[in-house]
Amino acid sequence: MVNDNWLKLKDLEYRNQQLYCGDQSLTELAQTYGTPLYVVNEDLIRKRYRTIHNIFSNRYSKVRIHYAVKSNSNLSVLRILEEEGAYVDAVSSGEVFLTKKSGFTSDRIMQTGNNWTDEEMQYALDNNIMINLDAISHIHRLKKLCGNSNQQLPILSFRINPEFGDGHHDHCITAGKTIKFGIFEPQVIEAFKIAKECGFTQFGAHMHIGSGILNITSFKKALDKYFQIIRSVVEELDITFEFLDFGGGIGIPYRDSENPLSIEKYADLLISKLQYECETMNLGTPYLAIEPGRYISSEASILLSQVNTIKNNGFRHFIGIDAGFNTLIRPVLYGSYHEIVSLLKTESDESIIADVVGQLCESGDVLGKDRKFSHLEERDYLAILDAGAYGFSMSSTYNSRPRSAEVLISRGHANILIRERESFDDLLLHQIIPDRLKIAGGVENHD
């Protein structure tokens, strides 16, 4: 069984043998809204944001917490964070669109571009947001677009690749010599020089080394290289920075044997380094920005699913559920581990070791291998923990299975559906059948 104290860190506990999230019975939510179901805990989102913001702002006067939208872009999640005063880091025009719809003003949005198109640059300019580039060739294109539309030059940042990265999986390491992101040291001065020559006057500098990091030593190594590069830029080009962005990457404990990263030690590392470098380089007092996504959203959502099959094929036990990698792709994509627990806590001497598998026509549709369960029956419910980051946001309709619903819970408020479950009709949206292929009484075009 998962450690009860570890569960409480995630606002989960068993009451009368039933698993609760906050003050909500998860069994009741599953029965009311159906499964698979993402349950979003508003209180925990606010708590995580306030914790990291307060720890940093108590140590440094100018702090911006840029929530990484890609981790969870649900409009209600964004509204909660907008109310808390967060900034956002967007990585696409679509994310800029969603954050604007959620009430974020332009001065609280930065878009970090990767292989930008001119259309994406123009959209960022039209929305008057901060722009973070990761290729020198984009500078002249951005300048030209500003001239063509007679728009003011934006605050411009460059993504620096410190040649070192870390993360919970190779695909989540976002810095290093073989990684597509950012600008390496020999090109950084050139980038800022060209930007100054093009008339840009307000600057930031950005770094992001990877995701799911629990080892603070990794951040220290990258910071040393980052500030070495910043020092060279300041000395050669006399640039004043509006902000220095250290990126995201803060991991969370997915296993009950793991401990969370100490945010206090993380803040002490970043801020002591920043203050020292600001003093020795005469940088003034730039804003300090960090980009937590997973830290804020992951533990705040769980995925509920119902057991529909328990099978022993003579070699292995399988627990078949109504979720799959169409619902949560992290286990198959990254080999990620998520604790999977029963909503009913039972004391039994009988137990099985089984693989938890989904309904997709794929052998790789495995959400958890070699998991231990006691007294589990078909029609029981399971909770897949820590699914709020890169859960729904990476889900799909593979095998033509409509995407799941999402419900928001909060103490003192009634739970409320914040995303309807998709229907079969939603699978038809935006598909167009040529007239010559239509059949009498068949499906009409949908848009």
Protein backbone atom coordinates (compact mmCIF):
# COMPACT_ATOMS: atom_id res chain seq x y z
CA MET A 1 0.00 0.00 0.00
CA VAL A 2 1.05 3.59 -0.63
CA ASN A 3 2.24 5.48 2.44
CA ASP A 4 -0.60 7.50 4.04
CA ASN A 5 1.65 10.45 4.89
CA TRP A 6 2.83 10.62 1.30
CA LEU A 7 -0.79 10.69 0.13
CA LYS A 8 -1.58 13.58 2.48
CA LEU A 9 1.10 15.69 0.79
CA LYS A 10 -1.11 15.43 -2.29
CA ASP A 11 -4.32 16.22 -0.37
CA LEU A 12 -5.43 12.57 -0.53
CA GLU A 13 -6.50 10.32 2.33
CA TYR A 14 -8.60 7.28 3.09
CA ARG A 15 -11.69 7.95 5.24
CA ASN A 16 -13.75 4.97 6.29
CA GLN A 17 -11.78 2.92 3.75
CA GLN A 18 -12.75 5.28 0.88
CA LEU A 19 -10.21 7.52 -0.89
CA TYR A 20 -10.91 11.24 -0.66
CA CYS A 21 -9.34 14.15 -2.50
CA GLY A 22 -9.77 17.29 -0.42
CA ASP A 23 -13.24 16.81 1.02
CA GLN A 24 -14.61 14.90 -1.98
CA SER A 25 -15.27 11.17 -2.17
CA LEU A 26 -13.59 10.00 -5.35
CA THR A 27 -15.99 7.07 -5.64
CA GLU A 28 -18.93 9.49 -5.66
CA LEU A 29 -17.25 11.62 -8.32
CA ALA A 30 -16.61 8.56 -10.50
CA GLN A 31 -20.22 7.44 -10.15
CA THR A 32 -21.58 10.93 -10.84
CA TYR A 33 -19.46 11.90 -13.83
CA GLY A 34 -18.36 8.53 -15.20
CA THR A 35 -14.86 7.37 -16.06
CA PRO A 36 -12.21 7.96 -17.18
CA LEU A 37 -12.35 11.25 -15.30
CA TYR A 38 -9.71 13.85 -14.48
CA VAL A 39 -10.29 15.37 -11.03
CA VAL A 40 -8.66 18.79 -10.62
CA ASN A 41 -8.02 20.05 -7.08
CA GLU A 42 -8.26 23.85 -7.09
CA ASP A 43 -7.01 24.16 -3.51
CA LEU A 44 -3.80 22.32 -4.27
CA ILE A 45 -3.11 24.43 -7.37
CA ARG A 46 -3.43 27.58 -5.28
CA LYS A 47 -1.33 26.09 -2.48
CA ARG A 48 1.51 25.07 -4.80
CA TYR A 49 1.55 28.47 -6.51
CA ARG A 50 1.48 30.40 -3.23
CA THR A 51 4.20 28.22 -1.74
CA ILE A 52 6.69 28.79 -4.53
CA HIS A 53 5.80 32.45 -4.96
CA ASN A 54 6.11 33.23 -1.26
CA ILE A 55 9.39 31.36 -0.85
CA PHE A 56 10.96 33.28 -3.73
CA SER A 57 9.42 36.69 -3.01
CA ASN A 58 10.55 36.51 0.62
CA ARG A 59 14.12 36.26 -0.65
CA TYR A 60 14.06 38.65 -3.62
CA SER A 61 11.93 41.71 -4.31
CA LYS A 62 11.21 41.22 -8.03
CA VAL A 63 9.89 37.74 -8.78
CA ARG A 64 7.73 36.42 -11.58
CA ILE A 65 6.31 32.91 -11.57
CA HIS A 66 5.72 32.01 -15.22
CA TYR A 67 3.38 29.02 -15.20
CA ALA A 68 4.28 26.62 -18.04
CA VAL A 69 0.96 26.41 -19.89
CA LYS A 70 1.88 23.25 -21.79
CA SER A 71 1.64 21.20 -18.59
CA ASN A 72 -2.10 21.84 -18.24
CA SER A 73 -3.93 24.37 -20.40
CA ASN A 74 -7.47 23.91 -19.08
CA LEU A 75 -9.17 27.32 -18.97
CA SER A 76 -10.25 26.88 -15.35
CA VAL A 77 -6.68 26.05 -14.31
CA LEU A 78 -5.47 29.16 -16.12
CA ARG A 79 -8.19 31.29 -14.50
CA ILE A 80 -7.13 30.07 -11.04
CA LEU A 81 -3.53 31.03 -11.71
CA GLU A 82 -4.50 34.36 -13.25
CA GLU A 83 -6.37 35.17 -10.04
CA GLU A 84 -3.25 34.25 -8.06
CA GLY A 85 -1.20 36.78 -10.03
CA ALA A 86 0.88 34.35 -12.07
CA TYR A 87 2.63 35.09 -15.31
CA VAL A 88 2.67 32.46 -18.06
CA ASP A 89 5.15 30.87 -20.42
CA ALA A 90 3.42 29.91 -23.66
CA VAL A 91 5.01 27.79 -26.38
CA SER A 92 2.49 28.27 -29.19
CA SER A 93 0.02 30.75 -30.60
CA GLY A 94 -2.75 28.50 -29.31
CA GLU A 95 -1.45 28.81 -25.76
CA VAL A 96 -1.26 32.59 -26.15
CA PHE A 97 -4.88 32.52 -27.33
CA LEU A 98 -5.98 30.46 -24.30
CA THR A 99 -4.15 32.63 -21.79
CA LYS A 100 -5.67 35.78 -23.26
CA LYS A 101 -9.11 34.16 -23.06
CA SER A 102 -8.35 33.35 -19.42
CA GLY A 103 -7.76 37.00 -18.56
CA PHE A 104 -3.98 37.28 -18.69
CA THR A 105 -2.87 40.70 -19.88
CA SER A 106 -0.15 40.96 -22.50
CA ASP A 107 2.50 42.07 -20.00
CA ARG A 108 2.08 38.75 -18.13
CA ILE A 109 2.64 36.52 -21.18
CA MET A 110 5.92 35.36 -22.68
CA GLN A 111 6.08 33.06 -25.66
CA THR A 112 9.09 30.82 -26.03
CA GLY A 113 9.32 29.97 -29.69
CA ASN A 114 10.82 26.91 -31.30
CA ASN A 115 11.12 26.87 -35.10
CA TRP A 116 8.78 29.86 -35.36
CA THR A 117 6.80 30.56 -38.49
CA ASP A 118 6.26 34.16 -39.60
CA GLU A 119 2.57 33.72 -38.81
CA GLU A 120 3.39 32.75 -35.21
CA MET A 121 5.73 35.70 -34.82
CA GLN A 122 3.08 38.04 -36.17
CA TYR A 123 0.50 36.64 -33.76
CA ALA A 124 2.86 37.27 -30.85
CA LEU A 125 3.48 40.82 -32.07
CA ASP A 126 -0.24 41.47 -32.52
CA ASN A 127 -0.76 40.42 -28.90
CA ASN A 128 2.11 42.62 -27.66
CA ILE A 129 3.72 39.90 -25.53
CA MET A 130 7.31 39.20 -24.52
CA ILE A 131 9.14 37.10 -27.10
CA ASN A 132 11.81 34.49 -26.39
CA LEU A 133 13.74 33.34 -29.49
CA ASP A 134 16.05 30.36 -29.86
CA ALA A 135 17.58 30.98 -33.30
CA ILE A 136 19.65 33.88 -34.62
CA SER A 137 17.91 33.77 -38.01
CA HIS A 138 14.66 34.78 -36.35
CA ILE A 139 15.91 38.23 -35.33
CA HIS A 140 15.82 39.83 -38.78
CA ARG A 141 12.50 38.13 -39.57
CA LEU A 142 10.99 39.54 -36.40
CA LYS A 143 12.39 43.00 -37.13
CA LYS A 144 10.97 42.89 -40.66
CA LEU A 145 7.55 41.90 -39.41
CA CYS A 146 7.60 44.79 -36.94
CA GLY A 147 8.44 47.16 -39.76
CA ASN A 148 5.83 45.76 -42.13
CA SER A 149 3.06 46.23 -39.58
CA ASN A 150 4.49 49.40 -38.01
CA GLN A 151 4.53 47.75 -34.59
CA GLN A 152 6.66 48.61 -31.59
CA LEU A 153 9.61 46.33 -30.97
CA PRO A 154 8.79 43.91 -28.14
CA ILE A 155 10.83 42.91 -25.10
CA LEU A 156 13.18 40.35 -26.61
CA SER A 157 14.79 37.39 -24.89
CA PHE A 158 17.04 34.65 -26.16
CA ARG A 159 16.98 31.07 -24.97
CA ILE A 160 20.50 30.14 -23.92
CA ASN A 161 21.58 26.51 -24.14
CA PRO A 162 24.18 26.01 -21.38
CA GLU A 163 25.33 22.75 -23.04
CA PHE A 164 24.13 20.76 -20.04
CA GLY A 165 20.70 19.34 -19.38
CA ASP A 166 18.88 16.96 -17.09
CA GLY A 167 15.45 15.36 -16.80
CA HIS A 168 13.50 12.24 -15.94
CA HIS A 169 13.76 10.91 -19.52
CA ASP A 170 15.97 11.57 -22.55
CA HIS A 171 13.03 13.21 -24.34
CA CYS A 172 12.64 15.66 -21.45
CA ILE A 173 16.23 16.93 -21.45
CA THR A 174 16.10 20.33 -23.13
CA ALA A 175 19.73 21.48 -23.12
CA GLY A 176 22.93 19.97 -24.42
CA LYS A 177 24.93 19.75 -27.63
CA THR A 178 22.55 17.30 -29.34
CA ILE A 179 19.35 19.11 -28.29
CA LYS A 180 17.38 21.30 -30.70
CA PHE A 181 16.64 24.10 -28.23
CA GLY A 182 18.47 27.34 -27.63
CA ILE A 183 21.61 29.19 -28.63
CA PHE A 184 25.08 28.06 -27.60
CA GLU A 185 27.70 30.28 -25.98
CA PRO A 186 29.67 31.23 -29.14
CA GLN A 187 26.45 32.56 -30.74
CA VAL A 188 24.82 34.32 -27.80
CA ILE A 189 26.84 37.54 -28.05
CA GLU A 190 26.21 37.59 -31.79
CA ALA A 191 22.47 37.24 -31.18
CA PHE A 192 22.26 40.14 -28.74
CA LYS A 193 24.55 42.26 -30.93
CA ILE A 194 22.34 41.76 -33.98
CA ALA A 195 19.26 42.51 -31.88
CA LYS A 196 20.76 45.81 -30.69
CA GLU A 197 21.71 46.73 -34.25
CA CYS A 198 18.11 46.03 -35.28
CA GLY A 199 16.87 48.51 -32.71
CA PHE A 200 15.73 46.24 -29.87
CA THR A 201 16.33 47.95 -26.54
CA GLN A 202 14.63 45.79 -23.88
CA PHE A 203 16.11 42.37 -23.19
CA GLY A 204 15.77 39.21 -21.20
CA ALA A 205 17.74 35.98 -21.09
CA HIS A 206 16.24 32.53 -20.67
CA MET A 207 17.43 29.02 -19.87
CA HIS A 208 15.62 25.70 -19.46
CA ILE A 209 17.55 22.46 -18.99
CA GLY A 210 14.85 19.82 -18.66
CA SER A 211 11.82 18.49 -16.78
CA GLY A 212 11.17 16.42 -13.70
CA ILE A 213 14.42 17.26 -11.91
CA LEU A 214 14.75 16.35 -8.23
CA ASN A 215 18.51 16.82 -7.94
CA ILE A 216 19.40 20.41 -7.09
CA THR A 217 23.01 19.87 -8.23
CA SER A 218 21.82 19.83 -11.84
CA PHE A 219 20.47 23.36 -11.52
CA LYS A 220 23.71 24.62 -9.98
CA LYS A 221 25.84 23.30 -12.84
CA ALA A 222 23.61 24.96 -15.43
CA LEU A 223 23.44 28.25 -13.50
CA ASP A 224 27.22 28.55 -13.42
CA LYS A 225 27.41 28.30 -17.21
CA TYR A 226 24.38 30.55 -17.70
CA PHE A 227 25.91 33.40 -15.71
CA GLN A 228 29.26 32.92 -17.37
CA ILE A 229 27.51 33.64 -20.67
CA ILE A 230 25.49 36.56 -19.22
CA ARG A 231 28.72 38.12 -17.94
CA SER A 232 30.22 37.99 -21.45
CA VAL A 233 27.14 39.67 -22.94
CA VAL A 234 27.18 42.46 -20.37
CA GLU A 235 30.92 43.11 -20.70
CA GLU A 236 30.95 43.19 -24.51
CA LEU A 237 27.59 44.81 -25.29
CA ASP A 238 26.70 46.82 -22.16
CA ILE A 239 23.19 45.34 -22.11
CA THR A 240 20.77 45.85 -19.24
CA PHE A 241 18.41 42.96 -18.66
CA GLU A 242 14.74 43.45 -17.82
CA PHE A 243 14.57 39.87 -16.54
CA LEU A 244 16.62 36.72 -16.14
CA ASP A 245 14.56 33.56 -16.59
CA PHE A 246 15.91 30.33 -15.12
CA GLY A 247 13.22 28.15 -16.71
CA GLY A 248 11.37 25.29 -15.08
CA GLY A 249 12.14 21.65 -14.46
CA ILE A 250 11.14 21.22 -10.82
CA GLY A 251 10.15 17.58 -10.40
CA ILE A 252 7.57 16.06 -8.08
CA PRO A 253 7.69 12.72 -6.22
CA TYR A 254 5.79 10.24 -8.40
CA ARG A 255 6.74 7.32 -6.12
CA ASP A 256 6.08 7.17 -2.41
CA SER A 257 9.76 6.35 -1.96
CA GLU A 258 10.74 9.73 -3.46
CA ASN A 259 11.07 13.02 -1.62
CA PRO A 260 10.08 16.37 -3.12
CA LEU A 261 12.73 18.87 -4.16
CA SER A 262 13.25 21.44 -1.41
CA ILE A 263 11.87 24.69 -2.84
CA GLU A 264 13.66 26.60 -0.09
CA LYS A 265 17.04 25.20 -1.13
CA TYR A 266 16.18 25.72 -4.80
CA ALA A 267 15.29 29.37 -4.13
CA ASP A 268 18.42 29.88 -2.03
CA LEU A 269 20.57 28.52 -4.87
CA LEU A 270 19.01 30.68 -7.59
CA ILE A 271 18.73 33.89 -5.61
CA SER A 272 22.14 33.79 -3.95
CA LYS A 273 23.72 33.22 -7.36
CA LEU A 274 21.61 35.98 -8.94
CA GLN A 275 22.42 38.51 -6.21
CA TYR A 276 26.13 37.78 -6.33
CA GLU A 277 26.28 38.11 -10.11
CA CYS A 278 24.14 41.26 -10.12
CA GLU A 279 26.50 42.91 -7.67
CA THR A 280 29.71 41.91 -9.40
CA MET A 281 28.36 42.71 -12.88
CA ASN A 282 26.43 45.83 -11.89
CA LEU A 283 23.26 44.36 -13.39
CA GLY A 284 20.90 46.36 -11.22
CA THR A 285 17.83 44.44 -10.05
CA PRO A 286 16.34 42.48 -12.95
CA TYR A 287 13.19 40.47 -12.49
CA LEU A 288 13.83 36.85 -11.59
CA ALA A 289 11.54 34.50 -13.53
CA ILE A 290 11.03 30.77 -13.12
CA GLU A 291 8.66 28.50 -15.03
CA PRO A 292 7.08 25.79 -12.90
CA GLY A 293 4.46 23.69 -14.65
CA ARG A 294 4.58 20.18 -13.27
CA TYR A 295 5.19 21.46 -9.71
CA ILE A 296 1.93 23.42 -9.78
CA SER A 297 -0.37 21.16 -11.78
CA SER A 298 0.78 17.55 -11.55
CA GLU A 299 -0.21 16.58 -8.01
CA ALA A 300 -3.36 18.68 -8.32
CA SER A 301 -5.07 16.21 -10.67
CA ILE A 302 -5.77 12.51 -10.55
CA LEU A 303 -7.25 10.23 -13.18
CA LEU A 304 -10.12 7.97 -12.14
CA SER A 305 -10.77 4.80 -14.10
CA GLN A 306 -12.96 1.72 -13.70
CA VAL A 307 -11.76 -1.86 -13.75
CA ASN A 308 -13.57 -3.80 -16.47
CA THR A 309 -11.43 -6.94 -16.69
CA ILE A 310 -9.27 -8.98 -14.33
CA LYS A 311 -7.46 -11.69 -16.26
CA ASN A 312 -4.86 -14.37 -15.60
CA ASN A 313 -3.51 -15.80 -18.83
CA GLY A 314 -1.52 -18.47 -17.01
CA PHE A 315 1.68 -16.42 -17.13
CA ARG A 316 0.64 -12.98 -15.93
CA HIS A 317 -2.21 -11.10 -14.31
CA PHE A 318 -3.78 -8.14 -16.12
CA ILE A 319 -6.12 -5.50 -14.76
CA GLY A 320 -7.99 -3.93 -17.68
CA ILE A 321 -9.37 -0.43 -17.15
CA ASP A 322 -11.31 2.10 -19.23
CA ALA A 323 -8.34 4.47 -19.59
CA GLY A 324 -5.31 3.96 -21.80
CA PHE A 325 -2.43 5.84 -23.33
CA ASN A 326 -5.02 7.85 -25.24
CA THR A 327 -6.01 9.17 -21.80
CA LEU A 328 -2.54 9.34 -20.18
CA ILE A 329 0.38 8.85 -22.54
CA ARG A 330 3.29 9.48 -20.14
CA PRO A 331 3.91 5.83 -19.17
CA VAL A 332 4.28 4.64 -22.76
CA LEU A 333 5.97 7.81 -24.07
CA TYR A 334 8.47 8.38 -21.28
CA GLY A 335 8.39 5.16 -19.28
CA SER A 336 6.93 7.30 -16.52
CA TYR A 337 5.76 5.88 -13.23
CA HIS A 338 2.40 6.83 -11.69
CA GLU A 339 1.14 5.35 -8.46
CA ILE A 340 -2.14 3.51 -9.06
CA VAL A 341 -4.34 2.91 -6.02
CA SER A 342 -7.77 1.49 -5.37
CA LEU A 343 -10.47 3.87 -4.20
CA LEU A 344 -11.42 1.22 -1.65
CA LYS A 345 -8.85 0.39 1.02
CA THR A 346 -9.20 -3.22 2.09
CA GLU A 347 -7.30 -5.38 4.53
CA SER A 348 -6.76 -8.77 2.94
CA ASP A 349 -4.15 -11.48 2.95
CA GLU A 350 -4.93 -12.14 -0.70
CA SER A 351 -3.17 -10.01 -3.29
CA ILE A 352 -2.06 -10.16 -6.91
CA ILE A 353 0.79 -8.64 -8.86
CA ALA A 354 -0.60 -7.40 -12.15
CA ASP A 355 -0.08 -5.07 -15.09
CA VAL A 356 -2.65 -2.29 -15.35
CA VAL A 357 -3.59 -2.04 -19.02
CA GLY A 358 -5.94 0.01 -21.15
CA GLN A 359 -8.40 -0.72 -23.93
CA LEU A 360 -6.33 0.32 -26.92
CA CYS A 361 -5.41 -2.12 -29.64
CA GLU A 362 -1.73 -1.74 -28.77
CA SER A 363 0.55 -4.04 -26.76
CA GLY A 364 2.23 -0.95 -25.36
CA ASP A 365 -0.99 0.24 -23.74
CA VAL A 366 0.30 -0.36 -20.22
CA LEU A 367 -0.21 2.24 -17.50
CA GLY A 368 1.56 0.35 -14.74
CA LYS A 369 3.60 -2.86 -14.58
CA ASP A 370 3.90 -5.26 -11.66
CA ARG A 371 1.49 -3.44 -9.35
CA LYS A 372 0.23 -5.05 -6.17
CA PHE A 373 -3.47 -5.04 -5.35
CA SER A 374 -5.54 -6.80 -2.72
CA HIS A 375 -9.18 -7.82 -3.07
CA LEU A 376 -9.78 -6.03 -6.37
CA GLU A 377 -12.88 -6.85 -8.39
CA GLU A 378 -14.27 -5.92 -11.76
CA ARG A 379 -16.30 -2.67 -11.60
CA ASP A 380 -14.05 -1.31 -8.83
CA TYR A 381 -12.41 2.07 -9.34
CA LEU A 382 -8.72 2.98 -9.48
CA ALA A 383 -6.99 6.34 -9.11
CA ILE A 384 -3.91 7.13 -11.19
CA LEU A 385 -2.07 9.80 -9.23
CA ASP A 386 -0.14 12.90 -10.26
CA ALA A 387 -1.82 13.16 -13.66
CA GLY A 388 -2.32 16.92 -13.83
CA ALA A 389 0.81 17.70 -15.84
CA TYR A 390 0.93 16.39 -19.41
CA GLY A 391 -2.14 14.26 -18.74
CA PHE A 392 -5.18 15.62 -20.49
CA SER A 393 -3.04 18.10 -22.44
CA MET A 394 -1.35 15.18 -24.26
CA SER A 395 -4.45 12.99 -24.57
CA SER A 396 -5.90 11.97 -27.92
CA THR A 397 -8.78 10.25 -29.66
CA TYR A 398 -6.64 7.33 -30.82
CA ASN A 399 -8.71 4.22 -31.61
CA SER A 400 -11.58 6.73 -32.04
CA ARG A 401 -12.14 6.92 -28.31
CA PRO A 402 -13.54 10.31 -27.25
CA ARG A 403 -11.53 12.22 -24.69
CA SER A 404 -12.45 12.22 -21.01
CA ALA A 405 -14.23 14.76 -18.83
CA GLU A 406 -12.64 17.00 -16.20
CA VAL A 407 -14.19 18.10 -12.92
CA LEU A 408 -12.99 20.84 -10.56
CA ILE A 409 -13.20 20.36 -6.81
CA SER A 410 -12.54 22.83 -4.00
CA ARG A 411 -13.34 22.93 -0.30
CA GLY A 412 -16.41 25.04 0.39
CA HIS A 413 -17.57 24.91 -3.24
CA ALA A 414 -19.68 22.44 -5.16
CA ASN A 415 -17.73 20.33 -7.63
CA ILE A 416 -18.27 21.46 -11.19
CA LEU A 417 -17.64 19.99 -14.62
CA ILE A 418 -14.96 22.06 -16.37
CA ARG A 419 -14.73 19.94 -19.53
CA GLU A 420 -17.51 17.85 -20.94
CA ARG A 421 -16.83 14.29 -21.95
CA GLU A 422 -16.51 14.09 -25.72
CA SER A 423 -19.11 12.14 -27.67
CA PHE A 424 -18.96 10.09 -30.84
CA ASP A 425 -20.30 13.13 -32.69
CA ASP A 426 -17.20 15.06 -31.63
CA LEU A 427 -15.14 12.56 -33.64
CA LEU A 428 -16.82 13.93 -36.76
CA LEU A 429 -15.95 17.58 -36.14
CA HIS A 430 -14.05 19.30 -38.95
CA GLN A 431 -14.10 16.22 -41.21
CA ILE A 432 -15.26 16.83 -44.76
CA ILE A 433 -16.60 14.12 -47.06
CA PRO A 434 -16.39 14.89 -50.78
CA ASP A 435 -19.80 14.90 -52.48
CA ARG A 436 -18.79 12.00 -54.70
CA LEU A 437 -18.20 9.81 -51.62
CA LYS A 438 -21.42 10.61 -49.81
CA ILE A 439 -24.11 7.99 -49.43
CA ALA A 440 -27.80 8.50 -48.97
CA GLY A 441 -28.59 8.86 -45.29
CA GLY A 442 -24.88 8.93 -44.43
CA VAL A 443 -22.81 11.29 -42.34
CA GLU A 444 -23.00 14.98 -43.21
CA ASN A 445 -20.00 17.25 -43.22
CA HIS A 446 -19.09 18.73 -39.86
CA ASP A 447 -17.21 21.93 -39.17
